[in-house]
Amino acid sequence: MNLDLILQDHAKKTPEKVALGWESGSYTYRELNKQVQKLANQFYLNGIKQGDRIAIILDNCPEFVISYYACMRVGAINVPINPSLTSREFGIIINDSTPEIIITNEKVNNVLKKTNIEGNPKFLITDNDRFSKLIQDSPAENLTNPSNIEECTILYTSGTTGLPKGAVLTHHNLYHNAKTFAEALGINKNDKTLIIAPLSHIAAQSNCLNTTLVTGGYSYLMPRWESSTKTLRTMEEKEITFFFGPPTMYTYSLNDPDINRYHLKLRIAYTGAAPLPEEIFNKWREIFGFEIIEGYGLTECSPVVSVNPLQGRKKLGSVGLPINDVSVKIVNDQFEEVPIGKSGELIVQGPNVMKGYFNREEENSKTFVDGWFKTGDIAKRDDDGYLYIVDRKKDMIIRSGFNVYPREVEEVLYQHPAVLEVAVIGYPHEEKGELVMAVLTLKHGYSEEVANDLKDFCKERLATYKVPFKFEFVDELQKTSSGKILKAKLRELYF
């Protein structure tokens, strides 16, 4: 199923229902469909063929949404790229994906002018008259042929283990994940979704935009996170019922001094991309009267693999149960399934799993084994089938032969009243192999003098070899656009 066909169907059946909103305007399903068709016609008239690639380098805006679905309609493969990347990073992704067209704004275009881009892609700049005039002047009738290609999107992973790799997601990958996710969370046509997580990231695309489209609901776009105050006010004013954000967004929101004064209509709050601290889970439930739903996924899995049930039991620290039609196993280094309660690498099989990495045959042969996708995440399973992500395989710290999983240490530190955010990393030590280091931001009113107290706090709750040897305090932890703390950058900074 092509998601664009869903859009066309809504445009016929509920043409005047509002589909998309932003600060200065909105589109009904009829209007959105018309905009998508006109841009798809322009792609067609400019020689775009099925299978050609089109890069979209934009913040959350209506132009992103129009371009995204127009690619589907003309049979092109969209390549969403984080607009906050550097010239070097843009060059790596653009030269790997070789797009025929790059859709972006003036700010990013100024960076791209300094980028060594191979080939001769056309540029379409959205924040001048050209983009709107291009759509306005386009024929209204359908000039495109029905798409029959399998591939839909190429999304580049963060590249923490090397150069970024493009995960090729199919139309079926994206449709199935959006539909199954909506069913798991009970999202329906009456829901209003706030999209503040970047649409250049798979979670906002699949679990916000596409999920809302599948159900025939309404999406409201915010360009990016600015403050907890603006986010909470928008939720209140737009009567938002569904919100996705990484744990950091919930942390900042719950620390808003006016958090108890907002009258929100939220009924579903979902999180992923990083572990949800227990303190945040409990505080949210106390204030709003319902629980945050934590799930787990990867770009390569479109992205959702598992979620805690909407109505059933939500287990703290767990990422829930596999979604419908998705199978998981936890295996050892010999690819043998481990017993319940034991840790091993999580592998996944199902309609959500990507076709493969773009132009990475050698990488694909390592990533897929007997039809199973190797996530690289260390997990365990309990007697009820709930999954627990222990840590990233590559992030595991080995001190004196003992395995230390950073998430366990981070969860302990989050229980301390002084800690706002924390990332635990390993650093080399001649005698012990690695030692544990915690990099933290503190809540207002606390100073670095709290270090000794933090160490004693950990000693009471962790084996000696897990207790951080160093505590570093920073004003802010560097994150990806999706809210993940960049541990690789921390390692580069300190070692």
Protein backbone atom coordinates (compact mmCIF):
# COMPACT_ATOMS: atom_id res chain seq x y z
CA MET A 1 0.00 0.00 0.00
CA ASN A 2 1.24 3.48 -0.92
CA LEU A 3 0.54 6.07 1.80
CA ASP A 4 -0.18 8.65 -0.88
CA LEU A 5 -3.19 6.56 -1.94
CA ILE A 6 -4.51 7.02 1.61
CA LEU A 7 -4.18 10.79 1.20
CA GLN A 8 -6.06 10.70 -2.10
CA ASP A 9 -8.80 8.60 -0.54
CA HIS A 10 -9.27 11.06 2.35
CA ALA A 11 -9.39 13.92 -0.18
CA LYS A 12 -12.35 12.19 -1.85
CA LYS A 13 -14.22 11.02 1.25
CA THR A 14 -13.56 13.85 3.74
CA PRO A 15 -12.35 16.73 1.53
CA GLU A 16 -13.13 19.55 3.97
CA LYS A 17 -11.65 17.92 7.07
CA VAL A 18 -8.55 19.81 8.21
CA ALA A 19 -5.50 17.63 7.64
CA LEU A 20 -2.53 19.87 8.43
CA GLY A 21 -1.96 23.02 10.44
CA TRP A 22 0.93 25.32 11.24
CA GLU A 23 1.36 28.74 12.85
CA SER A 24 0.19 30.76 9.85
CA GLY A 25 -2.27 28.47 8.09
CA SER A 26 -3.86 25.10 7.45
CA TYR A 27 -4.86 22.69 4.68
CA THR A 28 -7.92 20.51 4.38
CA TYR A 29 -7.39 17.05 2.90
CA ARG A 30 -8.64 18.41 -0.45
CA GLU A 31 -6.22 21.34 -0.37
CA LEU A 32 -3.27 19.20 0.74
CA ASN A 33 -3.97 16.65 -1.98
CA LYS A 34 -4.13 19.44 -4.59
CA GLN A 35 -0.77 20.86 -3.46
CA VAL A 36 0.82 17.40 -3.59
CA GLN A 37 -0.54 16.74 -7.08
CA LYS A 38 0.71 20.05 -8.45
CA LEU A 39 4.23 19.52 -7.08
CA ALA A 40 4.26 15.93 -8.35
CA ASN A 41 3.32 17.28 -11.80
CA GLN A 42 6.28 19.64 -11.67
CA PHE A 43 8.59 16.77 -10.76
CA TYR A 44 7.22 14.86 -13.74
CA LEU A 45 7.60 17.84 -16.11
CA ASN A 46 11.20 18.29 -14.92
CA GLY A 47 12.09 14.77 -15.95
CA ILE A 48 11.86 12.93 -12.64
CA LYS A 49 11.48 9.22 -13.26
CA GLN A 50 10.33 6.47 -10.95
CA GLY A 51 13.23 5.50 -8.70
CA ASP A 52 14.98 8.88 -8.92
CA ARG A 53 15.90 10.38 -5.57
CA ILE A 54 14.82 13.76 -4.20
CA ALA A 55 16.44 15.18 -1.06
CA ILE A 56 14.25 17.12 1.40
CA ILE A 57 16.30 19.29 3.78
CA LEU A 58 13.75 21.26 5.79
CA ASP A 59 12.51 21.85 9.31
CA ASN A 60 8.91 20.90 10.07
CA CYS A 61 6.81 22.92 7.63
CA PRO A 62 4.01 22.37 5.09
CA GLU A 63 6.57 22.34 2.27
CA PHE A 64 8.18 19.26 3.81
CA VAL A 65 4.84 17.41 3.91
CA ILE A 66 3.90 18.41 0.35
CA SER A 67 7.32 17.36 -0.98
CA TYR A 68 7.27 14.08 0.95
CA TYR A 69 3.98 12.88 -0.50
CA ALA A 70 4.65 14.36 -3.95
CA CYS A 71 7.72 12.11 -4.17
CA MET A 72 5.47 9.12 -3.49
CA ARG A 73 2.98 10.24 -6.13
CA VAL A 74 5.55 10.58 -8.89
CA GLY A 75 7.39 7.40 -7.87
CA ALA A 76 10.53 9.14 -6.64
CA ILE A 77 12.43 8.05 -3.52
CA ASN A 78 12.52 10.82 -0.92
CA VAL A 79 15.70 11.37 1.10
CA PRO A 80 14.88 13.48 4.19
CA ILE A 81 18.02 15.04 5.68
CA ASN A 82 18.45 16.84 9.01
CA PRO A 83 18.78 20.58 8.15
CA SER A 84 21.11 21.23 11.08
CA LEU A 85 24.00 19.18 9.68
CA THR A 86 27.35 20.64 8.74
CA SER A 87 28.65 21.14 5.21
CA ARG A 88 30.79 18.03 5.53
CA GLU A 89 27.87 15.90 6.75
CA PHE A 90 25.59 17.17 3.98
CA GLY A 91 28.24 16.26 1.42
CA ILE A 92 28.53 12.67 2.65
CA ILE A 93 24.78 12.02 2.46
CA ILE A 94 24.07 13.92 -0.75
CA ASN A 95 26.97 12.35 -2.61
CA ASP A 96 25.94 8.90 -1.43
CA SER A 97 22.26 9.26 -2.36
CA THR A 98 22.84 11.34 -5.56
CA PRO A 99 19.49 13.17 -5.65
CA GLU A 100 18.16 14.75 -8.84
CA ILE A 101 16.52 17.56 -6.87
CA ILE A 102 17.35 19.13 -3.48
CA ILE A 103 14.44 20.87 -1.72
CA THR A 104 15.61 23.20 1.03
CA ASN A 105 15.53 26.75 2.40
CA GLU A 106 17.88 29.71 2.02
CA LYS A 107 19.67 29.09 5.31
CA VAL A 108 20.61 25.52 4.40
CA ASN A 109 21.33 26.51 0.81
CA ASN A 110 24.01 28.91 2.04
CA VAL A 111 25.70 25.95 3.76
CA LEU A 112 25.29 23.77 0.68
CA LYS A 113 27.08 26.40 -1.41
CA LYS A 114 30.19 25.52 0.59
CA THR A 115 29.61 21.79 0.13
CA ASN A 116 31.41 19.71 -2.46
CA ILE A 117 28.38 18.19 -4.19
CA GLU A 118 29.01 15.75 -6.99
CA GLY A 119 26.74 15.72 -10.03
CA ASN A 120 24.39 18.56 -10.88
CA PRO A 121 21.18 18.37 -8.84
CA LYS A 122 18.51 21.04 -9.25
CA PHE A 123 17.72 23.20 -6.23
CA LEU A 124 14.22 24.14 -5.14
CA ILE A 125 14.25 26.81 -2.41
CA THR A 126 11.06 26.95 -0.35
CA ASP A 127 11.28 30.31 1.43
CA ASN A 128 11.09 32.50 -1.66
CA ASP A 129 8.40 32.94 -4.30
CA ARG A 130 9.74 30.17 -6.52
CA PHE A 131 8.28 27.23 -4.61
CA SER A 132 4.76 28.66 -4.27
CA LYS A 133 4.82 29.95 -7.86
CA LEU A 134 5.96 26.56 -9.10
CA ILE A 135 2.95 24.92 -7.47
CA GLN A 136 0.57 27.71 -8.48
CA ASP A 137 1.60 27.47 -12.15
CA SER A 138 1.44 23.69 -12.26
CA PRO A 139 -1.40 21.93 -14.10
CA ALA A 140 -4.17 20.78 -11.78
CA GLU A 141 -4.91 17.51 -13.58
CA ASN A 142 -2.97 14.35 -12.79
CA LEU A 143 0.02 14.01 -15.13
CA THR A 144 1.77 11.28 -13.16
CA ASN A 145 1.61 7.54 -13.61
CA PRO A 146 0.76 5.25 -10.67
CA SER A 147 3.95 4.36 -8.81
CA ASN A 148 4.98 0.73 -9.02
CA ILE A 149 8.36 0.92 -7.31
CA GLU A 150 8.94 -0.78 -3.99
CA GLU A 151 11.31 1.74 -2.39
CA CYS A 152 9.88 4.88 -0.80
CA THR A 153 12.39 6.53 1.51
CA ILE A 154 16.11 6.51 2.28
CA LEU A 155 16.90 7.64 5.81
CA TYR A 156 20.49 7.98 6.96
CA THR A 157 21.42 6.64 10.36
CA SER A 158 23.39 8.80 12.77
CA GLY A 159 26.65 7.13 11.82
CA THR A 160 27.95 6.63 15.38
CA THR A 161 29.95 3.62 14.22
CA GLY A 162 31.29 5.14 11.02
CA LEU A 163 29.95 6.99 7.97
CA PRO A 164 26.15 7.40 7.79
CA LYS A 165 24.30 4.57 6.07
CA GLY A 166 21.05 5.01 4.15
CA ALA A 167 18.28 2.68 5.33
CA VAL A 168 15.98 1.93 2.38
CA LEU A 169 12.37 1.74 3.56
CA THR A 170 9.61 0.50 1.29
CA HIS A 171 6.06 1.74 0.86
CA HIS A 172 4.87 -1.39 2.63
CA ASN A 173 7.32 -0.87 5.52
CA LEU A 174 5.97 2.61 6.20
CA TYR A 175 2.29 1.83 5.67
CA HIS A 176 2.35 -1.25 7.89
CA ASN A 177 4.24 0.47 10.70
CA ALA A 178 1.95 3.52 10.69
CA LYS A 179 -1.22 1.40 10.60
CA THR A 180 -0.06 -1.09 13.26
CA PHE A 181 1.21 1.69 15.53
CA ALA A 182 -2.12 3.52 15.26
CA GLU A 183 -3.96 0.31 16.18
CA ALA A 184 -1.63 -0.35 19.13
CA LEU A 185 -2.18 3.11 20.62
CA GLY A 186 -5.83 3.51 19.65
CA ILE A 187 -5.19 6.60 17.51
CA ASN A 188 -8.22 7.55 15.38
CA LYS A 189 -9.65 10.18 13.02
CA ASN A 190 -10.61 12.46 15.92
CA ASP A 191 -7.07 12.75 17.25
CA LYS A 192 -4.95 15.86 16.88
CA THR A 193 -1.21 15.24 16.70
CA LEU A 194 1.49 17.72 17.61
CA ILE A 195 4.59 17.21 15.45
CA ILE A 196 7.58 18.88 17.05
CA ALA A 197 10.10 16.05 16.69
CA PRO A 198 11.92 16.60 13.35
CA LEU A 199 10.26 15.17 10.25
CA SER A 200 13.73 14.39 8.94
CA HIS A 201 13.69 11.60 11.54
CA ILE A 202 11.73 8.37 11.09
CA ALA A 203 9.77 8.61 14.35
CA ALA A 204 8.10 11.92 13.46
CA GLN A 205 7.50 10.76 9.89
CA SER A 206 6.07 7.34 10.66
CA ASN A 207 4.58 7.64 14.13
CA CYS A 208 3.24 11.19 13.83
CA LEU A 209 2.67 12.28 10.22
CA ASN A 210 1.95 8.92 8.56
CA THR A 211 0.08 7.46 11.52
CA THR A 212 -2.21 10.49 11.64
CA LEU A 213 -2.69 10.33 7.87
CA VAL A 214 -3.65 6.64 7.99
CA THR A 215 -6.37 7.38 10.54
CA GLY A 216 -7.61 10.53 8.81
CA GLY A 217 -6.69 12.76 11.75
CA TYR A 218 -5.13 16.23 12.06
CA SER A 219 -1.44 17.10 12.39
CA TYR A 220 -0.12 20.42 13.70
CA LEU A 221 3.48 21.34 12.82
CA MET A 222 5.94 23.19 15.00
CA PRO A 223 9.27 23.88 13.24
CA ARG A 224 11.37 22.74 16.19
CA TRP A 225 11.53 22.67 19.98
CA GLU A 226 11.90 26.22 21.32
CA SER A 227 10.76 25.98 24.93
CA SER A 228 8.52 24.01 27.22
CA THR A 229 6.27 27.07 27.53
CA LYS A 230 5.63 27.33 23.79
CA THR A 231 5.10 23.59 23.45
CA LEU A 232 2.63 23.38 26.33
CA ARG A 233 0.76 26.50 25.19
CA THR A 234 0.43 25.02 21.71
CA MET A 235 -0.87 21.75 23.14
CA GLU A 236 -3.47 23.70 25.08
CA GLU A 237 -4.53 26.09 22.28
CA LYS A 238 -4.72 23.43 19.55
CA GLU A 239 -6.39 20.86 21.84
CA ILE A 240 -3.69 18.30 21.03
CA THR A 241 -4.62 14.72 21.97
CA PHE A 242 -1.51 12.81 20.82
CA PHE A 243 2.12 13.74 21.37
CA PHE A 244 5.40 12.02 20.65
CA GLY A 245 8.73 13.22 21.97
CA PRO A 246 11.99 11.80 23.28
CA PRO A 247 12.37 11.68 27.08
CA THR A 248 14.23 15.00 27.07
CA MET A 249 11.08 16.82 25.92
CA TYR A 250 9.10 15.31 28.80
CA THR A 251 11.89 16.20 31.22
CA TYR A 252 11.89 19.84 30.15
CA SER A 253 8.08 20.02 30.12
CA LEU A 254 7.75 18.62 33.63
CA ASN A 255 10.31 21.14 34.87
CA ASP A 256 8.24 24.03 33.49
CA PRO A 257 7.29 26.21 36.49
CA ASP A 258 3.68 26.49 35.24
CA ILE A 259 3.20 22.83 34.37
CA ASN A 260 0.13 22.51 36.63
CA ARG A 261 -1.65 25.50 35.07
CA TYR A 262 -2.15 24.16 31.56
CA HIS A 263 -5.49 22.64 30.61
CA LEU A 264 -4.47 19.93 28.17
CA LYS A 265 -6.63 17.55 26.17
CA LEU A 266 -3.80 15.04 25.80
CA ARG A 267 -4.87 11.41 26.00
CA ILE A 268 -1.81 9.67 24.54
CA ALA A 269 1.83 10.52 25.28
CA TYR A 270 4.41 8.35 23.57
CA THR A 271 8.18 8.25 23.88
CA GLY A 272 11.14 6.43 22.41
CA ALA A 273 14.62 7.09 20.98
CA ALA A 274 16.18 6.95 24.47
CA PRO A 275 15.39 5.36 27.87
CA LEU A 276 12.57 6.96 29.87
CA PRO A 277 13.69 7.71 33.46
CA GLU A 278 11.41 6.31 36.14
CA GLU A 279 11.18 9.72 37.82
CA ILE A 280 9.69 11.24 34.65
CA PHE A 281 7.21 8.37 34.23
CA ASN A 282 5.94 8.75 37.78
CA LYS A 283 5.82 12.55 37.77
CA TRP A 284 3.87 12.64 34.49
CA ARG A 285 1.30 10.17 35.85
CA GLU A 286 0.97 12.18 39.05
CA ILE A 287 0.29 15.46 37.20
CA PHE A 288 -1.76 14.31 34.21
CA GLY A 289 -3.44 11.18 35.50
CA PHE A 290 -2.28 8.84 32.74
CA GLU A 291 0.98 7.14 31.83
CA ILE A 292 3.55 7.83 29.15
CA ILE A 293 3.77 4.89 26.74
CA GLU A 294 7.35 3.84 26.08
CA GLY A 295 8.29 1.93 22.97
CA TYR A 296 11.33 0.84 21.05
CA GLY A 297 12.38 1.11 17.45
CA LEU A 298 15.10 1.85 14.96
CA THR A 299 15.28 3.69 11.66
CA GLU A 300 15.88 0.33 10.00
CA CYS A 301 12.55 -0.96 11.39
CA SER A 302 10.34 1.92 10.19
CA PRO A 303 10.80 2.42 13.25
CA VAL A 304 8.55 0.66 15.81
CA VAL A 305 9.40 -2.83 17.04
CA SER A 306 7.58 -2.85 20.38
CA VAL A 307 5.31 -0.73 22.58
CA ASN A 308 3.83 -0.95 26.03
CA PRO A 309 0.08 -1.58 25.75
CA LEU A 310 -2.31 1.36 25.78
CA GLN A 311 -4.76 -0.23 28.20
CA GLY A 312 -2.73 -3.11 29.63
CA ARG A 313 0.11 -3.12 32.09
CA LYS A 314 3.00 -0.76 31.45
CA LYS A 315 6.18 -2.05 33.04
CA LEU A 316 8.71 0.52 34.16
CA GLY A 317 11.98 0.13 32.30
CA SER A 318 10.36 -2.03 29.63
CA VAL A 319 9.78 -1.09 25.99
CA GLY A 320 6.76 -3.33 25.89
CA LEU A 321 5.63 -6.11 23.60
CA PRO A 322 6.35 -6.62 19.89
CA ILE A 323 3.74 -5.03 17.64
CA ASN A 324 1.53 -7.18 15.40
CA ASP A 325 3.30 -9.25 12.72
CA VAL A 326 6.76 -8.44 14.14
CA SER A 327 8.89 -11.23 15.60
CA VAL A 328 11.88 -10.80 17.90
CA LYS A 329 14.53 -13.05 19.39
CA ILE A 330 17.34 -12.48 21.86
CA VAL A 331 20.47 -14.36 20.89
CA ASN A 332 24.06 -14.89 21.98
CA ASP A 333 27.19 -14.49 19.84
CA GLN A 334 26.57 -17.94 18.34
CA PHE A 335 23.10 -16.77 17.21
CA GLU A 336 21.44 -19.13 19.70
CA GLU A 337 18.33 -17.92 21.52
CA VAL A 338 19.03 -17.21 25.19
CA PRO A 339 16.73 -18.14 28.12
CA ILE A 340 14.12 -15.78 29.59
CA GLY A 341 15.78 -13.15 31.76
CA LYS A 342 19.19 -13.47 30.11
CA SER A 343 20.72 -10.66 28.04
CA GLY A 344 21.68 -10.97 24.41
CA GLU A 345 21.44 -9.17 21.09
CA LEU A 346 17.93 -8.34 19.92
CA ILE A 347 17.11 -9.45 16.38
CA VAL A 348 13.94 -8.59 14.44
CA GLN A 349 11.94 -10.01 11.57
CA GLY A 350 8.76 -8.60 10.03
CA PRO A 351 7.11 -6.25 7.50
CA ASN A 352 8.65 -3.26 9.26
CA VAL A 353 12.27 -4.26 8.54
CA MET A 354 14.03 -2.23 5.85
CA LYS A 355 14.95 -3.59 2.46
CA GLY A 356 18.61 -2.93 3.26
CA TYR A 357 21.26 -0.22 3.36
CA PHE A 358 21.62 1.79 0.16
CA ASN A 359 24.63 0.64 -1.86
CA ARG A 360 26.06 -1.28 1.12
CA GLU A 361 26.07 -4.93 0.10
CA GLU A 362 28.86 -5.88 2.50
CA GLU A 363 27.11 -4.13 5.38
CA ASN A 364 23.83 -5.84 4.49
CA SER A 365 25.46 -9.27 4.57
CA LYS A 366 26.60 -8.57 8.15
CA THR A 367 23.33 -7.00 9.27
CA PHE A 368 20.98 -9.74 8.06
CA VAL A 369 21.41 -13.33 9.18
CA ASP A 370 18.93 -16.00 8.02
CA GLY A 371 16.35 -13.29 7.35
CA TRP A 372 16.75 -11.67 10.77
CA PHE A 373 17.88 -8.06 11.26
CA LYS A 374 20.59 -7.61 13.91
CA THR A 375 19.78 -4.48 15.88
CA GLY A 376 23.04 -4.21 17.80
CA ASP A 377 21.00 -3.64 20.98
CA ILE A 378 21.40 -5.73 24.10
CA ALA A 379 18.02 -6.80 25.48
CA LYS A 380 16.29 -9.30 27.74
CA ARG A 381 12.75 -10.63 28.00
CA ASP A 382 10.64 -11.43 31.05
CA ASP A 383 8.12 -14.23 31.61
CA ASP A 384 5.30 -12.07 30.21
CA GLY A 385 7.17 -11.38 26.98
CA TYR A 386 7.99 -7.74 27.79
CA LEU A 387 11.26 -6.49 26.33
CA TYR A 388 13.93 -4.54 28.19
CA ILE A 389 16.72 -2.75 26.34
CA VAL A 390 19.78 -3.19 28.51
CA ASP A 391 22.04 -1.13 26.29
CA ARG A 392 23.57 -0.59 22.92
CA LYS A 393 26.06 -3.37 22.26
CA LYS A 394 28.71 -0.85 21.28
CA ASP A 395 28.10 1.28 24.41
CA MET A 396 28.80 -1.50 26.88
CA ILE A 397 31.69 -0.74 29.24
CA ILE A 398 34.04 -3.53 30.30
CA ARG A 399 35.82 -2.77 33.57
CA SER A 400 38.27 -5.38 34.86
CA GLY A 401 36.40 -8.03 32.89
CA PHE A 402 32.98 -7.02 34.25
CA ASN A 403 30.27 -5.76 31.91
CA VAL A 404 28.80 -2.38 32.85
CA TYR A 405 25.66 -1.29 31.00
CA PRO A 406 25.45 2.52 31.03
CA ARG A 407 21.67 2.56 31.21
CA GLU A 408 21.69 0.89 34.63
CA VAL A 409 24.05 3.55 36.01
CA GLU A 410 22.04 6.33 34.34
CA GLU A 411 18.80 5.09 35.89
CA VAL A 412 20.37 5.24 39.35
CA LEU A 413 21.69 8.77 38.79
CA TYR A 414 18.29 9.95 37.54
CA GLN A 415 16.91 9.09 40.98
CA HIS A 416 19.10 11.77 42.57
CA PRO A 417 17.23 15.08 42.97
CA ALA A 418 20.11 17.14 41.53
CA VAL A 419 20.31 15.39 38.16
CA LEU A 420 18.49 16.80 35.13
CA GLU A 421 20.18 14.72 32.40
CA VAL A 422 23.03 12.23 32.37
CA ALA A 423 25.05 10.17 29.93
CA VAL A 424 27.38 7.41 31.12
CA ILE A 425 30.35 6.44 28.97
CA GLY A 426 33.47 4.34 29.36
CA TYR A 427 36.96 5.73 29.09
CA PRO A 428 40.23 3.84 28.65
CA HIS A 429 42.33 2.85 31.65
CA GLU A 430 45.68 1.09 31.42
CA GLU A 431 45.07 -1.26 34.33
CA LYS A 432 41.30 -1.85 34.34
CA GLY A 433 40.59 -1.60 30.63
CA GLU A 434 37.81 0.96 31.08
CA LEU A 435 36.41 3.08 33.88
CA VAL A 436 32.95 4.60 34.19
CA MET A 437 32.36 8.30 33.64
CA ALA A 438 29.12 10.25 34.10
CA VAL A 439 28.53 13.49 32.20
CA LEU A 440 25.66 15.45 33.74
CA THR A 441 23.54 18.57 33.66
CA LEU A 442 22.14 19.69 37.01
CA LYS A 443 18.79 21.09 38.01
CA HIS A 444 18.53 24.73 39.01
CA GLY A 445 19.91 25.39 42.48
CA TYR A 446 22.58 22.66 42.46
CA SER A 447 26.32 23.09 41.89
CA GLU A 448 29.26 20.83 41.10
CA GLU A 449 29.83 20.44 44.83
CA VAL A 450 27.20 17.70 44.65
CA ALA A 451 29.78 15.33 43.06
CA ASN A 452 30.74 13.59 46.30
CA ASP A 453 27.11 13.10 47.20
CA LEU A 454 26.46 11.58 43.76
CA LYS A 455 29.31 9.13 44.24
CA ASP A 456 28.02 8.05 47.66
CA PHE A 457 24.52 7.79 46.18
CA CYS A 458 25.79 5.40 43.53
CA LYS A 459 27.84 3.36 46.00
CA GLU A 460 24.67 2.61 47.94
CA ARG A 461 22.90 1.33 44.83
CA LEU A 462 25.52 -0.17 42.53
CA ALA A 463 28.37 -2.67 42.68
CA THR A 464 31.70 -0.91 43.12
CA TYR A 465 32.83 -1.56 39.55
CA LYS A 466 29.72 0.22 38.21
CA VAL A 467 30.16 3.41 40.25
CA PRO A 468 31.39 6.34 38.11
CA PHE A 469 35.03 7.18 38.73
CA LYS A 470 34.56 10.64 37.22
CA PHE A 471 31.73 13.14 37.19
CA GLU A 472 31.81 15.88 34.56
CA PHE A 473 29.30 18.73 34.66
CA VAL A 474 28.14 20.55 31.55
CA ASP A 475 25.50 23.16 30.76
CA GLU A 476 23.92 21.00 28.07
CA LEU A 477 24.37 17.51 26.64
CA GLN A 478 24.74 17.50 22.87
CA LYS A 479 21.92 15.57 21.15
CA THR A 480 20.79 14.44 17.75
CA SER A 481 17.77 16.13 16.17
CA SER A 482 15.65 13.26 17.49
CA GLY A 483 16.73 13.87 21.09
CA LYS A 484 19.31 11.12 21.54
CA ILE A 485 22.36 12.08 23.57
CA LEU A 486 25.44 11.84 21.36
CA LYS A 487 27.66 9.55 23.37
CA ALA A 488 30.10 9.26 20.47
CA LYS A 489 30.59 13.05 20.60
CA LEU A 490 31.20 12.84 24.36
CA ARG A 491 33.89 10.24 23.81
CA GLU A 492 35.52 12.47 21.20
CA LEU A 493 35.36 15.44 23.56
CA TYR A 494 36.92 13.75 26.59
CA PHE A 495 39.28 11.18 25.11
